[in-house]
Amino acid sequence: AGGHGHGHGHHPHHPHHPPPPKPDEPKPEEPKPEEPKPEEPKPEEPKPEEPKPEEPKPEEPAQPEQPQQPEQPQQPEQPEQSQSGQ
C-alpha cells in the first residue's frame, strides 16, 4: 500500500476563508469622489444669498423698453371712439 490519502479534504482554496476585497467596490472609509461633501457648496447650485444673473432684480423694471402708459386705444384717428354721443 502506498499513498495514505495525503490531503484528505485539504483543498488549497479554503471555502471558509473571507474572499479578497473587490477592487470595483469602494471602501466605506474613503469618501467617494463622485459624491460632493455637504460642507462645500456645489458649484452647479447657485447660492441663495447671491442674486441669479438670469433673473431680473425686482427693484428694477422688468421691461425698460415699454413706456409706463395706461391702457388707452393706440388708434386716436377713430372719431366714433371719442365722440360716441353723436
N, C-alpha and C. Protein backbone atom coordinates (compact mmCIF):
# COMPACT_ATOMS: atom_id res chain seq x y z
N ALA A 1 0.86 -1.20 0.00
CA ALA A 1 0.00 0.00 0.00
C ALA A 1 0.87 1.23 0.00
N GLY A 2 0.51 2.18 -0.85
CA GLY A 2 1.38 3.36 -0.99
C GLY A 2 0.77 4.57 -0.31
N GLY A 3 0.16 5.50 -1.12
CA GLY A 3 -0.36 6.76 -0.57
C GLY A 3 -1.42 6.56 0.48
N HIS A 4 -1.22 7.25 1.60
CA HIS A 4 -2.18 7.15 2.69
C HIS A 4 -3.32 8.15 2.51
N GLY A 5 -3.50 8.65 1.33
CA GLY A 5 -4.56 9.66 1.13
C GLY A 5 -4.13 10.99 1.74
N HIS A 6 -2.88 11.40 1.40
CA HIS A 6 -2.40 12.68 1.93
C HIS A 6 -3.28 13.83 1.44
N GLY A 7 -3.70 14.68 2.36
CA GLY A 7 -4.50 15.84 1.97
C GLY A 7 -5.92 15.44 1.72
N HIS A 8 -6.53 14.75 2.68
CA HIS A 8 -7.92 14.36 2.52
C HIS A 8 -8.81 15.54 2.85
N GLY A 9 -9.35 16.15 1.80
CA GLY A 9 -10.23 17.30 2.01
C GLY A 9 -9.45 18.60 2.20
N HIS A 10 -8.11 18.52 2.08
CA HIS A 10 -7.30 19.74 2.26
C HIS A 10 -7.16 20.48 0.93
N HIS A 11 -8.20 21.22 0.58
CA HIS A 11 -8.13 21.97 -0.68
C HIS A 11 -7.27 23.22 -0.48
N PRO A 12 -6.48 23.57 -1.48
CA PRO A 12 -5.62 24.77 -1.37
C PRO A 12 -6.47 26.04 -1.19
N HIS A 13 -7.66 26.03 -1.76
CA HIS A 13 -8.53 27.21 -1.62
C HIS A 13 -9.61 26.90 -0.58
N HIS A 14 -9.39 27.43 0.62
CA HIS A 14 -10.34 27.17 1.70
C HIS A 14 -11.63 27.95 1.45
N PRO A 15 -12.75 27.25 1.38
CA PRO A 15 -14.04 27.92 1.11
C PRO A 15 -14.54 28.73 2.29
N HIS A 16 -13.94 28.53 3.46
CA HIS A 16 -14.41 29.26 4.64
C HIS A 16 -13.63 30.54 4.87
N HIS A 17 -12.55 30.73 4.12
CA HIS A 17 -11.77 31.96 4.33
C HIS A 17 -12.44 33.11 3.58
N PRO A 18 -12.35 34.34 4.11
CA PRO A 18 -13.03 35.50 3.50
C PRO A 18 -12.49 35.78 2.10
N PRO A 19 -13.36 36.13 1.15
CA PRO A 19 -12.93 36.41 -0.22
C PRO A 19 -12.11 37.70 -0.28
N PRO A 20 -11.25 37.83 -1.27
CA PRO A 20 -10.42 39.04 -1.40
C PRO A 20 -11.31 40.25 -1.72
N PRO A 21 -10.92 41.46 -1.24
CA PRO A 21 -11.73 42.67 -1.48
C PRO A 21 -11.80 42.99 -2.97
N LYS A 22 -13.02 43.21 -3.47
CA LYS A 22 -13.15 43.53 -4.90
C LYS A 22 -12.64 44.95 -5.16
N PRO A 23 -11.84 45.13 -6.18
CA PRO A 23 -11.29 46.47 -6.49
C PRO A 23 -12.37 47.43 -6.99
N ASP A 24 -13.47 46.88 -7.54
CA ASP A 24 -14.53 47.75 -8.06
C ASP A 24 -15.47 48.21 -6.94
N GLU A 25 -15.27 47.65 -5.74
CA GLU A 25 -16.14 48.03 -4.62
C GLU A 25 -15.38 48.99 -3.70
N PRO A 26 -15.78 50.29 -3.70
CA PRO A 26 -15.07 51.30 -2.89
C PRO A 26 -15.20 51.02 -1.41
N LYS A 27 -14.11 51.26 -0.66
CA LYS A 27 -14.16 51.05 0.78
C LYS A 27 -14.99 52.16 1.44
N PRO A 28 -15.78 51.81 2.45
CA PRO A 28 -16.65 52.80 3.11
C PRO A 28 -15.86 53.84 3.89
N GLU A 29 -14.56 53.59 4.13
CA GLU A 29 -13.76 54.53 4.91
C GLU A 29 -13.29 55.70 4.04
N GLU A 30 -13.16 55.48 2.73
CA GLU A 30 -12.71 56.58 1.86
C GLU A 30 -13.92 57.22 1.16
N PRO A 31 -13.97 58.57 1.13
CA PRO A 31 -15.12 59.27 0.52
C PRO A 31 -15.13 59.09 -0.99
N LYS A 32 -16.33 58.92 -1.54
CA LYS A 32 -16.42 58.76 -3.00
C LYS A 32 -16.21 60.12 -3.67
N PRO A 33 -15.39 60.18 -4.69
CA PRO A 33 -15.11 61.46 -5.37
C PRO A 33 -16.31 61.97 -6.15
N GLU A 34 -17.23 61.06 -6.50
CA GLU A 34 -18.41 61.46 -7.29
C GLU A 34 -19.48 62.08 -6.39
N GLU A 35 -19.34 61.89 -5.08
CA GLU A 35 -20.34 62.42 -4.14
C GLU A 35 -19.76 63.64 -3.43
N PRO A 36 -20.27 64.86 -3.75
CA PRO A 36 -19.72 66.09 -3.14
C PRO A 36 -19.98 66.12 -1.64
N LYS A 37 -18.99 66.66 -0.90
CA LYS A 37 -19.16 66.75 0.55
C LYS A 37 -20.18 67.84 0.89
N PRO A 38 -21.04 67.60 1.89
CA PRO A 38 -22.09 68.57 2.24
C PRO A 38 -21.52 69.85 2.84
N GLU A 39 -20.23 69.85 3.23
CA GLU A 39 -19.66 71.05 3.84
C GLU A 39 -19.24 72.06 2.76
N GLU A 40 -18.94 71.59 1.55
CA GLU A 40 -18.56 72.52 0.49
C GLU A 40 -19.74 72.74 -0.47
N PRO A 41 -20.00 74.01 -0.85
CA PRO A 41 -21.16 74.30 -1.73
C PRO A 41 -20.94 73.74 -3.12
N LYS A 42 -22.01 73.21 -3.72
CA LYS A 42 -21.89 72.66 -5.07
C LYS A 42 -21.81 73.82 -6.07
N PRO A 43 -20.88 73.76 -7.01
CA PRO A 43 -20.72 74.84 -7.99
C PRO A 43 -21.89 74.92 -8.97
N GLU A 44 -22.60 73.80 -9.14
CA GLU A 44 -23.72 73.78 -10.10
C GLU A 44 -24.98 74.37 -9.47
N GLU A 45 -24.98 74.49 -8.14
CA GLU A 45 -26.17 75.02 -7.46
C GLU A 45 -25.86 76.43 -6.94
N PRO A 46 -26.54 77.46 -7.51
CA PRO A 46 -26.27 78.84 -7.10
C PRO A 46 -26.65 79.07 -5.65
N LYS A 47 -25.82 79.86 -4.94
CA LYS A 47 -26.12 80.13 -3.53
C LYS A 47 -27.31 81.09 -3.44
N PRO A 48 -28.22 80.86 -2.49
CA PRO A 48 -29.42 81.69 -2.35
C PRO A 48 -29.10 83.12 -1.90
N GLU A 49 -27.86 83.36 -1.42
CA GLU A 49 -27.52 84.69 -0.94
C GLU A 49 -27.16 85.63 -2.10
N GLU A 50 -26.69 85.05 -3.22
CA GLU A 50 -26.35 85.91 -4.36
C GLU A 50 -27.46 85.83 -5.41
N PRO A 51 -27.84 87.00 -5.99
CA PRO A 51 -28.94 87.02 -6.98
C PRO A 51 -28.54 86.34 -8.27
N LYS A 52 -29.49 85.62 -8.87
CA LYS A 52 -29.18 84.94 -10.13
C LYS A 52 -29.13 85.97 -11.25
N PRO A 53 -28.12 85.92 -12.11
CA PRO A 53 -27.98 86.89 -13.21
C PRO A 53 -29.07 86.74 -14.26
N GLU A 54 -29.65 85.54 -14.36
CA GLU A 54 -30.68 85.29 -15.37
C GLU A 54 -32.05 85.80 -14.89
N GLU A 55 -32.15 86.08 -13.61
CA GLU A 55 -33.42 86.54 -13.06
C GLU A 55 -33.33 88.03 -12.73
N PRO A 56 -34.18 88.87 -13.39
CA PRO A 56 -34.12 90.33 -13.17
C PRO A 56 -34.45 90.68 -11.72
N LYS A 57 -33.74 91.68 -11.19
CA LYS A 57 -33.99 92.08 -9.80
C LYS A 57 -35.33 92.81 -9.72
N PRO A 58 -36.09 92.60 -8.65
CA PRO A 58 -37.43 93.20 -8.51
C PRO A 58 -37.37 94.71 -8.32
N GLU A 59 -36.18 95.26 -8.02
CA GLU A 59 -36.09 96.71 -7.79
C GLU A 59 -36.06 97.47 -9.12
N GLU A 60 -35.61 96.80 -10.19
CA GLU A 60 -35.58 97.47 -11.49
C GLU A 60 -36.71 96.92 -12.36
N PRO A 61 -37.28 97.77 -13.25
CA PRO A 61 -38.40 97.32 -14.11
C PRO A 61 -37.98 96.17 -15.01
N ALA A 62 -38.86 95.20 -15.18
CA ALA A 62 -38.54 94.03 -16.00
C ALA A 62 -38.40 94.42 -17.46
N GLN A 63 -39.37 95.24 -17.97
CA GLN A 63 -39.30 95.67 -19.38
C GLN A 63 -39.07 97.18 -19.44
N PRO A 64 -37.80 97.60 -19.51
CA PRO A 64 -37.48 99.04 -19.57
C PRO A 64 -37.85 99.66 -20.92
N GLU A 65 -38.04 98.82 -21.96
CA GLU A 65 -38.34 99.35 -23.29
C GLU A 65 -39.82 99.67 -23.43
N GLN A 66 -40.63 99.25 -22.46
CA GLN A 66 -42.07 99.52 -22.54
C GLN A 66 -42.40 100.76 -21.69
N PRO A 67 -42.91 101.84 -22.33
CA PRO A 67 -43.22 103.08 -21.59
C PRO A 67 -44.35 102.85 -20.59
N GLN A 68 -44.28 103.58 -19.47
CA GLN A 68 -45.31 103.42 -18.44
C GLN A 68 -46.54 104.24 -18.83
N GLN A 69 -47.39 103.70 -19.68
CA GLN A 69 -48.60 104.41 -20.07
C GLN A 69 -49.82 103.53 -19.78
N PRO A 70 -50.94 104.17 -19.41
CA PRO A 70 -52.16 103.41 -19.08
C PRO A 70 -52.77 102.77 -20.32
N GLU A 71 -53.76 101.90 -20.11
CA GLU A 71 -54.38 101.22 -21.25
C GLU A 71 -55.28 102.19 -22.01
N GLN A 72 -54.78 102.66 -23.16
CA GLN A 72 -55.60 103.55 -23.98
C GLN A 72 -55.49 103.08 -25.42
N PRO A 73 -56.53 103.31 -26.23
CA PRO A 73 -56.51 102.85 -27.63
C PRO A 73 -55.35 103.46 -28.40
N GLN A 74 -54.65 102.62 -29.17
CA GLN A 74 -53.50 103.09 -29.92
C GLN A 74 -53.92 103.84 -31.19
N GLN A 75 -55.21 103.77 -31.55
CA GLN A 75 -55.67 104.45 -32.78
C GLN A 75 -56.51 105.67 -32.39
N PRO A 76 -55.88 106.85 -32.34
CA PRO A 76 -56.62 108.08 -31.99
C PRO A 76 -57.44 108.62 -33.17
N GLU A 77 -57.25 108.05 -34.37
CA GLU A 77 -57.97 108.57 -35.54
C GLU A 77 -59.35 107.95 -35.68
N GLN A 78 -59.89 107.43 -34.58
CA GLN A 78 -61.25 106.87 -34.64
C GLN A 78 -62.20 107.88 -33.98
N PRO A 79 -62.92 108.63 -34.80
CA PRO A 79 -63.80 109.69 -34.25
C PRO A 79 -64.95 109.11 -33.44
N GLU A 80 -65.43 107.93 -33.81
CA GLU A 80 -66.59 107.35 -33.11
C GLU A 80 -66.19 106.88 -31.71
N GLN A 81 -64.86 106.76 -31.46
CA GLN A 81 -64.40 106.32 -30.14
C GLN A 81 -64.43 107.51 -29.17
N SER A 82 -64.07 108.71 -29.68
CA SER A 82 -64.01 109.88 -28.81
C SER A 82 -65.42 110.44 -28.58
N GLN A 83 -66.12 110.77 -29.66
CA GLN A 83 -67.47 111.35 -29.53
C GLN A 83 -68.52 110.30 -29.86
N SER A 84 -68.81 109.48 -28.88
CA SER A 84 -69.79 108.42 -29.11
C SER A 84 -71.19 108.93 -28.81
N GLY A 85 -71.31 110.22 -28.38
CA GLY A 85 -72.62 110.77 -28.05
C GLY A 85 -73.35 111.20 -29.32
N GLN A 86 -72.62 111.37 -30.41
CA GLN A 86 -73.30 111.80 -31.65
C GLN A 86 -73.64 110.60 -32.50
